Amino acid sequence: MSASEKARAKAEQAVGKAVQAAGRATGNEKLIAKGRAAQAAGHARETKESLKDTGRR
């Protein structure tokens, strides 16, 4: 996994966690859902890059 892609995946996960927390604090269901979606996108990107690395070995 390239360092930039790994950082991008972790950043997406962190943003998602922050948005989800903001949604919970305000009781906004849409924000909670957006946060979960951003976290899922970060996890998917991380998994994709890990699979690419595994294929290169």
PDB file of N, CA and C in Angstrom:
ATOM      1  N   MET A   1       0.852  -1.165   0.000  1.00  0.00           N
ATOM      2  CA  MET A   1       0.000   0.000   0.000  1.00  0.00           C
ATOM      3  C   MET A   1       0.895   1.224   0.000  1.00  0.00           C
ATOM      4  N   SER A   2       0.647   2.100  -0.937  1.00  0.00           N
ATOM      5  CA  SER A   2       1.450   3.316  -0.961  1.00  0.00           C
ATOM      6  C   SER A   2       1.099   4.173   0.244  1.00  0.00           C
ATOM      7  N   ALA A   3       2.066   4.908   0.683  1.00  0.00           N
ATOM      8  CA  ALA A   3       1.884   5.716   1.890  1.00  0.00           C
ATOM      9  C   ALA A   3       0.771   6.748   1.700  1.00  0.00           C
ATOM     10  N   SER A   4       0.682   7.326   0.511  1.00  0.00           N
ATOM     11  CA  SER A   4      -0.346   8.349   0.288  1.00  0.00           C
ATOM     12  C   SER A   4      -1.749   7.743   0.302  1.00  0.00           C
ATOM     13  N   GLU A   5      -1.904   6.553  -0.268  1.00  0.00           N
ATOM     14  CA  GLU A   5      -3.212   5.904  -0.258  1.00  0.00           C
ATOM     15  C   GLU A   5      -3.596   5.459   1.152  1.00  0.00           C
ATOM     16  N   LYS A   6      -2.617   4.995   1.908  1.00  0.00           N
ATOM     17  CA  LYS A   6      -2.885   4.592   3.283  1.00  0.00           C
ATOM     18  C   LYS A   6      -3.318   5.800   4.100  1.00  0.00           C
ATOM     19  N   ALA A   7      -2.637   6.918   3.925  1.00  0.00           N
ATOM     20  CA  ALA A   7      -2.995   8.143   4.640  1.00  0.00           C
ATOM     21  C   ALA A   7      -4.380   8.622   4.231  1.00  0.00           C
ATOM     22  N   ARG A   8      -4.674   8.505   2.937  1.00  0.00           N
ATOM     23  CA  ARG A   8      -5.989   8.934   2.453  1.00  0.00           C
ATOM     24  C   ARG A   8      -7.099   8.083   3.069  1.00  0.00           C
ATOM     25  N   ALA A   9      -6.875   6.771   3.160  1.00  0.00           N
ATOM     26  CA  ALA A   9      -7.862   5.869   3.750  1.00  0.00           C
ATOM     27  C   ALA A   9      -8.070   6.179   5.225  1.00  0.00           C
ATOM     28  N   LYS A  10      -6.977   6.392   5.944  1.00  0.00           N
ATOM     29  CA  LYS A  10      -7.084   6.708   7.370  1.00  0.00           C
ATOM     30  C   LYS A  10      -7.769   8.055   7.577  1.00  0.00           C
ATOM     31  N   ALA A  11      -7.482   9.025   6.697  1.00  0.00           N
ATOM     32  CA  ALA A  11      -8.119  10.340   6.809  1.00  0.00           C
ATOM     33  C   ALA A  11      -9.622  10.228   6.582  1.00  0.00           C
ATOM     34  N   GLU A  12     -10.020   9.433   5.599  1.00  0.00           N
ATOM     35  CA  GLU A  12     -11.442   9.221   5.345  1.00  0.00           C
ATOM     36  C   GLU A  12     -12.126   8.602   6.559  1.00  0.00           C
ATOM     37  N   GLN A  13     -11.464   7.644   7.172  1.00  0.00           N
ATOM     38  CA  GLN A  13     -12.033   7.000   8.353  1.00  0.00           C
ATOM     39  C   GLN A  13     -12.157   8.004   9.500  1.00  0.00           C
ATOM     40  N   ALA A  14     -11.144   8.845   9.679  1.00  0.00           N
ATOM     41  CA  ALA A  14     -11.174   9.828  10.762  1.00  0.00           C
ATOM     42  C   ALA A  14     -12.269  10.870  10.538  1.00  0.00           C
ATOM     43  N   VAL A  15     -12.400  11.331   9.303  1.00  0.00           N
ATOM     44  CA  VAL A  15     -13.453  12.306   8.985  1.00  0.00           C
ATOM     45  C   VAL A  15     -14.818  11.678   9.231  1.00  0.00           C
ATOM     46  N   GLY A  16     -14.970  10.443   8.810  1.00  0.00           N
ATOM     47  CA  GLY A  16     -16.242   9.754   9.025  1.00  0.00           C
ATOM     48  C   GLY A  16     -16.579   9.615  10.495  1.00  0.00           C
ATOM     49  N   LYS A  17     -15.574   9.306  11.280  1.00  0.00           N
ATOM     50  CA  LYS A  17     -15.799   9.170  12.724  1.00  0.00           C
ATOM     51  C   LYS A  17     -16.202  10.507  13.336  1.00  0.00           C
ATOM     52  N   ALA A  18     -15.558  11.595  12.884  1.00  0.00           N
ATOM     53  CA  ALA A  18     -15.875  12.924  13.403  1.00  0.00           C
ATOM     54  C   ALA A  18     -17.283  13.358  13.004  1.00  0.00           C
ATOM     55  N   VAL A  19     -17.653  13.111  11.753  1.00  0.00           N
ATOM     56  CA  VAL A  19     -18.986  13.477  11.280  1.00  0.00           C
ATOM     57  C   VAL A  19     -20.045  12.668  12.022  1.00  0.00           C
ATOM     58  N   GLN A  20     -19.764  11.399  12.229  1.00  0.00           N
ATOM     59  CA  GLN A  20     -20.704  10.543  12.951  1.00  0.00           C
ATOM     60  C   GLN A  20     -20.879  11.037  14.389  1.00  0.00           C
ATOM     61  N   ALA A  21     -19.792  11.419  15.032  1.00  0.00           N
ATOM     62  CA  ALA A  21     -19.869  11.934  16.403  1.00  0.00           C
ATOM     63  C   ALA A  21     -20.658  13.234  16.448  1.00  0.00           C
ATOM     64  N   ALA A  22     -20.452  14.099  15.454  1.00  0.00           N
ATOM     65  CA  ALA A  22     -21.206  15.357  15.401  1.00  0.00           C
ATOM     66  C   ALA A  22     -22.691  15.077  15.218  1.00  0.00           C
ATOM     67  N   GLY A  23     -22.999  14.097  14.396  1.00  0.00           N
ATOM     68  CA  GLY A  23     -24.398  13.724  14.192  1.00  0.00           C
ATOM     69  C   GLY A  23     -25.032  13.191  15.458  1.00  0.00           C
ATOM     70  N   ARG A  24     -24.283  12.387  16.195  1.00  0.00           N
ATOM     71  CA  ARG A  24     -24.812  11.865  17.464  1.00  0.00           C
ATOM     72  C   ARG A  24     -25.012  12.983  18.478  1.00  0.00           C
ATOM     73  N   ALA A  25     -24.079  13.933  18.514  1.00  0.00           N
ATOM     74  CA  ALA A  25     -24.168  15.032  19.480  1.00  0.00           C
ATOM     75  C   ALA A  25     -25.372  15.920  19.210  1.00  0.00           C
ATOM     76  N   THR A  26     -25.708  16.087  17.928  1.00  0.00           N
ATOM     77  CA  THR A  26     -26.826  16.960  17.579  1.00  0.00           C
ATOM     78  C   THR A  26     -28.121  16.194  17.349  1.00  0.00           C
ATOM     79  N   GLY A  27     -28.040  14.862  17.315  1.00  0.00           N
ATOM     80  CA  GLY A  27     -29.225  14.057  17.072  1.00  0.00           C
ATOM     81  C   GLY A  27     -29.626  14.040  15.604  1.00  0.00           C
ATOM     82  N   ASN A  28     -28.691  14.363  14.720  1.00  0.00           N
ATOM     83  CA  ASN A  28     -28.962  14.428  13.293  1.00  0.00           C
ATOM     84  C   ASN A  28     -28.658  13.080  12.635  1.00  0.00           C
ATOM     85  N   GLU A  29     -29.701  12.371  12.244  1.00  0.00           N
ATOM     86  CA  GLU A  29     -29.553  11.037  11.661  1.00  0.00           C
ATOM     87  C   GLU A  29     -28.814  11.069  10.322  1.00  0.00           C
ATOM     88  N   LYS A  30     -29.016  12.133   9.542  1.00  0.00           N
ATOM     89  CA  LYS A  30     -28.339  12.226   8.246  1.00  0.00           C
ATOM     90  C   LYS A  30     -26.825  12.338   8.433  1.00  0.00           C
ATOM     91  N   LEU A  31     -26.388  13.106   9.418  1.00  0.00           N
ATOM     92  CA  LEU A  31     -24.957  13.227   9.685  1.00  0.00           C
ATOM     93  C   LEU A  31     -24.376  11.903  10.153  1.00  0.00           C
ATOM     94  N   ILE A  32     -25.114  11.199  10.971  1.00  0.00           N
ATOM     95  CA  ILE A  32     -24.654   9.893  11.444  1.00  0.00           C
ATOM     96  C   ILE A  32     -24.460   8.963  10.245  1.00  0.00           C
ATOM     97  N   ALA A  33     -25.414   8.964   9.328  1.00  0.00           N
ATOM     98  CA  ALA A  33     -25.330   8.117   8.144  1.00  0.00           C
ATOM     99  C   ALA A  33     -24.164   8.523   7.243  1.00  0.00           C
ATOM    100  N   LYS A  34     -23.959   9.837   7.078  1.00  0.00           N
ATOM    101  CA  LYS A  34     -22.839  10.312   6.259  1.00  0.00           C
ATOM    102  C   LYS A  34     -21.506   9.904   6.879  1.00  0.00           C
ATOM    103  N   GLY A  35     -21.431   9.964   8.194  1.00  0.00           N
ATOM    104  CA  GLY A  35     -20.217   9.550   8.886  1.00  0.00           C
ATOM    105  C   GLY A  35     -19.935   8.075   8.704  1.00  0.00           C
ATOM    106  N   ARG A  36     -20.967   7.265   8.811  1.00  0.00           N
ATOM    107  CA  ARG A  36     -20.805   5.820   8.603  1.00  0.00           C
ATOM    108  C   ARG A  36     -20.361   5.531   7.171  1.00  0.00           C
ATOM    109  N   ALA A  37     -20.931   6.265   6.219  1.00  0.00           N
ATOM    110  CA  ALA A  37     -20.572   6.060   4.814  1.00  0.00           C
ATOM    111  C   ALA A  37     -19.110   6.433   4.564  1.00  0.00           C
ATOM    112  N   ALA A  38     -18.655   7.521   5.149  1.00  0.00           N
ATOM    113  CA  ALA A  38     -17.268   7.938   4.973  1.00  0.00           C
ATOM    114  C   ALA A  38     -16.314   6.922   5.598  1.00  0.00           C
ATOM    115  N   GLN A  39     -16.673   6.409   6.754  1.00  0.00           N
ATOM    116  CA  GLN A  39     -15.846   5.383   7.392  1.00  0.00           C
ATOM    117  C   GLN A  39     -15.795   4.128   6.526  1.00  0.00           C
ATOM    118  N   ALA A  40     -16.924   3.735   5.989  1.00  0.00           N
ATOM    119  CA  ALA A  40     -16.972   2.544   5.138  1.00  0.00           C
ATOM    120  C   ALA A  40     -16.122   2.745   3.887  1.00  0.00           C
ATOM    121  N   ALA A  41     -16.145   3.944   3.324  1.00  0.00           N
ATOM    122  CA  ALA A  41     -15.330   4.232   2.141  1.00  0.00           C
ATOM    123  C   ALA A  41     -13.845   4.126   2.486  1.00  0.00           C
ATOM    124  N   GLY A  42     -13.472   4.613   3.647  1.00  0.00           N
ATOM    125  CA  GLY A  42     -12.078   4.516   4.080  1.00  0.00           C
ATOM    126  C   GLY A  42     -11.648   3.077   4.288  1.00  0.00           C
ATOM    127  N   HIS A  43     -12.520   2.292   4.890  1.00  0.00           N
ATOM    128  CA  HIS A  43     -12.211   0.875   5.101  1.00  0.00           C
ATOM    129  C   HIS A  43     -12.100   0.147   3.754  1.00  0.00           C
ATOM    130  N   ALA A  44     -12.990   0.480   2.819  1.00  0.00           N
ATOM    131  CA  ALA A  44     -12.956  -0.152   1.506  1.00  0.00           C
ATOM    132  C   ALA A  44     -11.662   0.196   0.766  1.00  0.00           C
ATOM    133  N   ARG A  45     -11.246   1.466   0.845  1.00  0.00           N
ATOM    134  CA  ARG A  45     -10.012   1.888   0.187  1.00  0.00           C
ATOM    135  C   ARG A  45      -8.813   1.156   0.790  1.00  0.00           C
ATOM    136  N   GLU A  46      -8.806   1.041   2.116  1.00  0.00           N
ATOM    137  CA  GLU A  46      -7.714   0.355   2.795  1.00  0.00           C
ATOM    138  C   GLU A  46      -7.660  -1.123   2.384  1.00  0.00           C
ATOM    139  N   THR A  47      -8.808  -1.766   2.309  1.00  0.00           N
ATOM    140  CA  THR A  47      -8.882  -3.164   1.910  1.00  0.00           C
ATOM    141  C   THR A  47      -8.414  -3.346   0.473  1.00  0.00           C
ATOM    142  N   LYS A  48      -8.848  -2.450  -0.396  1.00  0.00           N
ATOM    143  CA  LYS A  48      -8.445  -2.525  -1.806  1.00  0.00           C
ATOM    144  C   LYS A  48      -6.933  -2.430  -1.940  1.00  0.00           C
ATOM    145  N   GLU A  49      -6.338  -1.487  -1.237  1.00  0.00           N
ATOM    146  CA  GLU A  49      -4.887  -1.314  -1.318  1.00  0.00           C
ATOM    147  C   GLU A  49      -4.149  -2.514  -0.721  1.00  0.00           C
ATOM    148  N   SER A  50      -4.680  -3.075   0.340  1.00  0.00           N
ATOM    149  CA  SER A  50      -4.065  -4.260   0.943  1.00  0.00           C
ATOM    150  C   SER A  50      -4.099  -5.440  -0.021  1.00  0.00           C
ATOM    151  N   LEU A  51      -5.224  -5.601  -0.723  1.00  0.00           N
ATOM    152  CA  LEU A  51      -5.336  -6.679  -1.708  1.00  0.00           C
ATOM    153  C   LEU A  51      -4.370  -6.462  -2.869  1.00  0.00           C
ATOM    154  N   LYS A  52      -4.199  -5.221  -3.283  1.00  0.00           N
ATOM    155  CA  LYS A  52      -3.230  -4.931  -4.348  1.00  0.00           C
ATOM    156  C   LYS A  52      -1.831  -5.301  -3.903  1.00  0.00           C
ATOM    157  N   ASP A  53      -1.490  -4.982  -2.656  1.00  0.00           N
ATOM    158  CA  ASP A  53      -0.174  -5.319  -2.138  1.00  0.00           C
ATOM    159  C   ASP A  53       0.021  -6.827  -2.069  1.00  0.00           C
ATOM    160  N   THR A  54      -1.002  -7.543  -1.663  1.00  0.00           N
ATOM    161  CA  THR A  54      -0.917  -8.996  -1.556  1.00  0.00           C
ATOM    162  C   THR A  54      -0.672  -9.603  -2.932  1.00  0.00           C
ATOM    163  N   GLY A  55      -1.300  -9.049  -3.945  1.00  0.00           N
ATOM    164  CA  GLY A  55      -1.118  -9.538  -5.305  1.00  0.00           C
ATOM    165  C   GLY A  55       0.272  -9.289  -5.849  1.00  0.00           C
ATOM    166  N   ARG A  56       0.961  -8.299  -5.350  1.00  0.00           N
ATOM    167  CA  ARG A  56       2.289  -7.955  -5.824  1.00  0.00           C
ATOM    168  C   ARG A  56       3.365  -8.851  -5.238  1.00  0.00           C
ATOM    169  N   ARG A  57       3.057  -9.545  -4.155  1.00  0.00           N
ATOM    170  CA  ARG A  57       4.052 -10.363  -3.487  1.00  0.00           C
ATOM    171  C   ARG A  57       4.277 -11.665  -4.164  1.00  0.00           C
TER     172      ARG A  57
END
